Amino acid sequence: MNKQPPYYAVIFTSVLSEAQEGYAAMAEKMEALATKQPGYLGIEHAREELGITISYWESLEAIAQWKAVLDHQEAQRLGREKWYQQYTTKICKVERVYSFPKK
């Protein structure tokens, strides 16, 4: 992602339940769908015991629009009912970015 701040990050952390049938396919579908949303900038994720997904957005309005997408709402419902023991979502404004090596 090459956008210079400011922009927004949605940080989603989760612990999966034992029932994971359909989870990977839905995660892949949501990532593909997110890339088509206005204001989408990129995504990073890691999964071990704790899963971390960070999606980047141009504005709070873009985040709200993504949350309102019906397929995304269905994925959220299934997550609550089947796939997650727990999860937390945080929305942050990115003011600065430091990296090494410098880009």
C-alpha atoms as a PDB file:
ATOM      1  CA  MET A   1       0.000   0.000   0.000  1.00  0.00           C
ATOM      2  CA  ASN A   2       1.506   3.312  -1.059  1.00  0.00           C
ATOM      3  CA  LYS A   3      -0.999   5.816   0.307  1.00  0.00           C
ATOM      4  CA  GLN A   4       0.457   8.449   2.570  1.00  0.00           C
ATOM      5  CA  PRO A   5      -1.315   9.127   5.880  1.00  0.00           C
ATOM      6  CA  PRO A   6      -3.760  10.046   7.097  1.00  0.00           C
ATOM      7  CA  TYR A   7      -6.019   7.064   6.475  1.00  0.00           C
ATOM      8  CA  TYR A   8      -7.841   4.545   8.652  1.00  0.00           C
ATOM      9  CA  ALA A   9      -7.065   1.020   9.839  1.00  0.00           C
ATOM     10  CA  VAL A  10      -9.646  -1.532  10.944  1.00  0.00           C
ATOM     11  CA  ILE A  11      -7.884  -3.988  13.240  1.00  0.00           C
ATOM     12  CA  PHE A  12      -9.763  -7.269  13.658  1.00  0.00           C
ATOM     13  CA  THR A  13      -8.346  -9.781  16.134  1.00  0.00           C
ATOM     14  CA  SER A  14      -9.958 -13.171  16.632  1.00  0.00           C
ATOM     15  CA  VAL A  15      -9.692 -16.609  18.159  1.00  0.00           C
ATOM     16  CA  LEU A  16     -11.287 -19.344  16.066  1.00  0.00           C
ATOM     17  CA  SER A  17     -13.646 -21.945  17.489  1.00  0.00           C
ATOM     18  CA  GLU A  18     -13.284 -25.651  16.743  1.00  0.00           C
ATOM     19  CA  ALA A  19     -15.867 -25.417  13.929  1.00  0.00           C
ATOM     20  CA  GLN A  20     -14.051 -23.950  10.949  1.00  0.00           C
ATOM     21  CA  GLU A  21     -15.954 -25.484   8.039  1.00  0.00           C
ATOM     22  CA  GLY A  22     -16.438 -22.800   5.403  1.00  0.00           C
ATOM     23  CA  TYR A  23     -14.293 -20.244   7.227  1.00  0.00           C
ATOM     24  CA  ALA A  24     -11.349 -20.146   4.798  1.00  0.00           C
ATOM     25  CA  ALA A  25     -13.623 -19.847   1.755  1.00  0.00           C
ATOM     26  CA  MET A  26     -15.587 -17.006   3.355  1.00  0.00           C
ATOM     27  CA  ALA A  27     -12.410 -15.172   4.394  1.00  0.00           C
ATOM     28  CA  GLU A  28     -11.149 -15.398   0.820  1.00  0.00           C
ATOM     29  CA  LYS A  29     -14.499 -14.185  -0.533  1.00  0.00           C
ATOM     30  CA  MET A  30     -14.572 -11.211   1.882  1.00  0.00           C
ATOM     31  CA  GLU A  31     -11.035 -10.188   0.996  1.00  0.00           C
ATOM     32  CA  ALA A  32     -11.893 -10.252  -2.725  1.00  0.00           C
ATOM     33  CA  LEU A  33     -15.118  -8.321  -2.115  1.00  0.00           C
ATOM     34  CA  ALA A  34     -13.372  -5.703   0.049  1.00  0.00           C
ATOM     35  CA  THR A  35     -10.930  -4.905  -2.762  1.00  0.00           C
ATOM     36  CA  LYS A  36     -13.888  -3.749  -4.879  1.00  0.00           C
ATOM     37  CA  GLN A  37     -15.229  -1.319  -2.272  1.00  0.00           C
ATOM     38  CA  PRO A  38     -14.831   2.445  -2.654  1.00  0.00           C
ATOM     39  CA  GLY A  39     -12.115   3.707  -0.321  1.00  0.00           C
ATOM     40  CA  TYR A  40     -10.386   0.335   0.153  1.00  0.00           C
ATOM     41  CA  LEU A  41      -6.588   0.665   0.347  1.00  0.00           C
ATOM     42  CA  GLY A  42      -5.219  -2.747   1.316  1.00  0.00           C
ATOM     43  CA  ILE A  43      -5.046  -5.579   3.829  1.00  0.00           C
ATOM     44  CA  GLU A  44      -2.533  -7.426   6.010  1.00  0.00           C
ATOM     45  CA  HIS A  45      -3.166 -10.524   8.076  1.00  0.00           C
ATOM     46  CA  ALA A  46      -1.535 -13.194  10.224  1.00  0.00           C
ATOM     47  CA  ARG A  47      -3.003 -16.255  11.889  1.00  0.00           C
ATOM     48  CA  GLU A  48      -1.610 -18.356  14.681  1.00  0.00           C
ATOM     49  CA  GLU A  49      -3.523 -18.825  17.914  1.00  0.00           C
ATOM     50  CA  LEU A  50      -4.658 -15.215  17.578  1.00  0.00           C
ATOM     51  CA  GLY A  51      -5.712 -14.056  14.118  1.00  0.00           C
ATOM     52  CA  ILE A  52      -4.995 -10.460  13.144  1.00  0.00           C
ATOM     53  CA  THR A  53      -6.439  -8.801  10.063  1.00  0.00           C
ATOM     54  CA  ILE A  54      -5.832  -5.127   9.365  1.00  0.00           C
ATOM     55  CA  SER A  55      -7.686  -3.493   6.500  1.00  0.00           C
ATOM     56  CA  TYR A  56      -6.924   0.042   5.391  1.00  0.00           C
ATOM     57  CA  TRP A  57      -9.472   2.607   4.237  1.00  0.00           C
ATOM     58  CA  GLU A  58      -9.512   6.192   2.989  1.00  0.00           C
ATOM     59  CA  SER A  59     -12.267   7.339   5.356  1.00  0.00           C
ATOM     60  CA  LEU A  60     -14.641   6.428   8.151  1.00  0.00           C
ATOM     61  CA  GLU A  61     -17.450   6.635   5.578  1.00  0.00           C
ATOM     62  CA  ALA A  62     -15.753   3.951   3.455  1.00  0.00           C
ATOM     63  CA  ILE A  63     -15.503   1.725   6.550  1.00  0.00           C
ATOM     64  CA  ALA A  64     -19.200   2.250   7.331  1.00  0.00           C
ATOM     65  CA  GLN A  65     -20.145   1.413   3.743  1.00  0.00           C
ATOM     66  CA  TRP A  66     -18.111  -1.808   3.909  1.00  0.00           C
ATOM     67  CA  LYS A  67     -19.808  -2.762   7.173  1.00  0.00           C
ATOM     68  CA  ALA A  68     -23.189  -2.292   5.466  1.00  0.00           C
ATOM     69  CA  VAL A  69     -22.455  -4.642   2.505  1.00  0.00           C
ATOM     70  CA  LEU A  70     -24.966  -7.505   2.783  1.00  0.00           C
ATOM     71  CA  ASP A  71     -22.448 -10.284   2.040  1.00  0.00           C
ATOM     72  CA  HIS A  72     -20.163  -8.815   4.704  1.00  0.00           C
ATOM     73  CA  GLN A  73     -23.037  -8.741   7.200  1.00  0.00           C
ATOM     74  CA  GLU A  74     -23.702 -12.419   6.452  1.00  0.00           C
ATOM     75  CA  ALA A  75     -20.028 -13.253   7.051  1.00  0.00           C
ATOM     76  CA  GLN A  76     -20.189 -11.371  10.369  1.00  0.00           C
ATOM     77  CA  ARG A  77     -23.298 -13.319  11.416  1.00  0.00           C
ATOM     78  CA  LEU A  78     -21.679 -16.657  10.561  1.00  0.00           C
ATOM     79  CA  GLY A  79     -18.543 -15.611  12.408  1.00  0.00           C
ATOM     80  CA  ARG A  80     -20.502 -14.906  15.572  1.00  0.00           C
ATOM     81  CA  GLU A  81     -22.563 -18.097  15.266  1.00  0.00           C
ATOM     82  CA  LYS A  82     -19.911 -20.584  14.077  1.00  0.00           C
ATOM     83  CA  TRP A  83     -16.302 -19.550  13.624  1.00  0.00           C
ATOM     84  CA  TYR A  84     -15.159 -17.288  16.466  1.00  0.00           C
ATOM     85  CA  GLN A  85     -14.679 -17.949  20.158  1.00  0.00           C
ATOM     86  CA  GLN A  86     -14.007 -14.243  20.480  1.00  0.00           C
ATOM     87  CA  TYR A  87     -13.137 -11.219  18.385  1.00  0.00           C
ATOM     88  CA  THR A  88     -12.428  -7.520  18.742  1.00  0.00           C
ATOM     89  CA  THR A  89     -12.612  -4.780  16.137  1.00  0.00           C
ATOM     90  CA  LYS A  90     -10.742  -1.498  16.537  1.00  0.00           C
ATOM     91  CA  ILE A  91     -10.791   1.468  14.157  1.00  0.00           C
ATOM     92  CA  CYS A  92      -7.780   3.764  14.220  1.00  0.00           C
ATOM     93  CA  LYS A  93      -6.587   6.786  12.308  1.00  0.00           C
ATOM     94  CA  VAL A  94      -3.083   6.297  10.915  1.00  0.00           C
ATOM     95  CA  GLU A  95      -1.152   9.542  11.305  1.00  0.00           C
ATOM     96  CA  ARG A  96       2.391   8.385  10.504  1.00  0.00           C
ATOM     97  CA  VAL A  97       4.115   5.372   8.991  1.00  0.00           C
ATOM     98  CA  TYR A  98       7.708   4.357   9.688  1.00  0.00           C
ATOM     99  CA  SER A  99       9.331   1.461   7.882  1.00  0.00           C
ATOM    100  CA  PHE A 100      12.678  -0.178   7.434  1.00  0.00           C
ATOM    101  CA  PRO A 101      14.179  -0.216   4.969  1.00  0.00           C
ATOM    102  CA  LYS A 102      12.760   3.151   4.011  1.00  0.00           C
ATOM    103  CA  LYS A 103      10.441   3.008   1.023  1.00  0.00           C
END
